Amino acid sequence: MDVNDRIARASLHVEVADRVREMIFDRTLAPGLRIDELDLSARLGTSRTPLREALKVLANEGLVRLAPGRGAYVTELSASEVESLFPVLAMLESRCAGEAVRRLGPIDRRRLEALHQAMEQQAAKGDAEGYHRLADELHALLHEASGNPWLQRATTDLRRFLRLARGMSGQGGNRLLQSLAEHRTLMKAIAREDAEAAEQVMHHHLLAQQKAWRAAHPAPQPAAREPGEVDDGPAAPEEGPPASAAAPVAAALPGPDAAVVDLKSVDAHSHREPEYIGV
């Protein structure tokens, strides 16, 4: 057997993992779904062995949950998990942006500008999926340019969960235009080689996504009491362990009062934090 054949066969599960990962991100495999190995391996045109190896890889990434004796399930994030994700990513991404601006060379600057121009084109067409794919590439380039492998690893790992959360909410309309405006402000800071402003814009870019998430997923309101009904106080806690994941949340677009960055504030005063309009 040729050495190249052995390498190709050994790397088959990596290719399968890449395919399944994208199926999770585009929700072909929905959150909470039990993965039918026979069906999925047939769809991918492979045997169950490389699929099982691929599922182990995805389980290590947190995208799949392996339940002994029951199979593999697509990870389903709870609303509280998504909420707590954004502030951590805001810290990591902003640090990446600042360090990248201090290290960017002319080649990477041209690559960033090309990606941003492509994002402008996708936004003009209203192609949210294409826009976010390019935005992910732009962020990945900033991670790499930061020159900090630990920061890059931590940020890249958490952005996988951001893509899961993105699939749980509408990504178009008003929020798409807000995101484009935030990236324009980021590119202006990069062009000025203003690392501090780049950190601020990136930090608020992630928090704006959190605000859009909240607008699309309002907290449930307590049911109104009937006239004359007596309030018995807080209910006693139920026995047993808490649920491992929340029920799927309906997708919705952020409303017109979702957060946006005040571009003039950042461009004119890079030492000041951008302000938010709306809630």
Foldseek 3Di string as FASTA:
>chain_A
DDPVVVVCVVCVLVVVLVVVLVCLLLCVQPAFHFDDQVVSCVVVVHHSVSVVVSLVVVVVLVQWDQDVPRHIGGHFAAPVRVLVLLQVLLQLLLLLQLLLLVQDDPVLLVVLVVLLVVLVVCLVVQNQVSNVVSVVVNSLSSLVSSVDVVSSVVNVSSVSVVSNVPSLADGTDPNSVLLSLLVVLLSLCSVVSPSLLNSLSSSVSSVLVSQFSCQQAPDDDDDDDDPPDDDPDDDDDDDDDDDPHDDRDHYYGHDPQRWHWDSCCCVVPVVDHTDTGHD
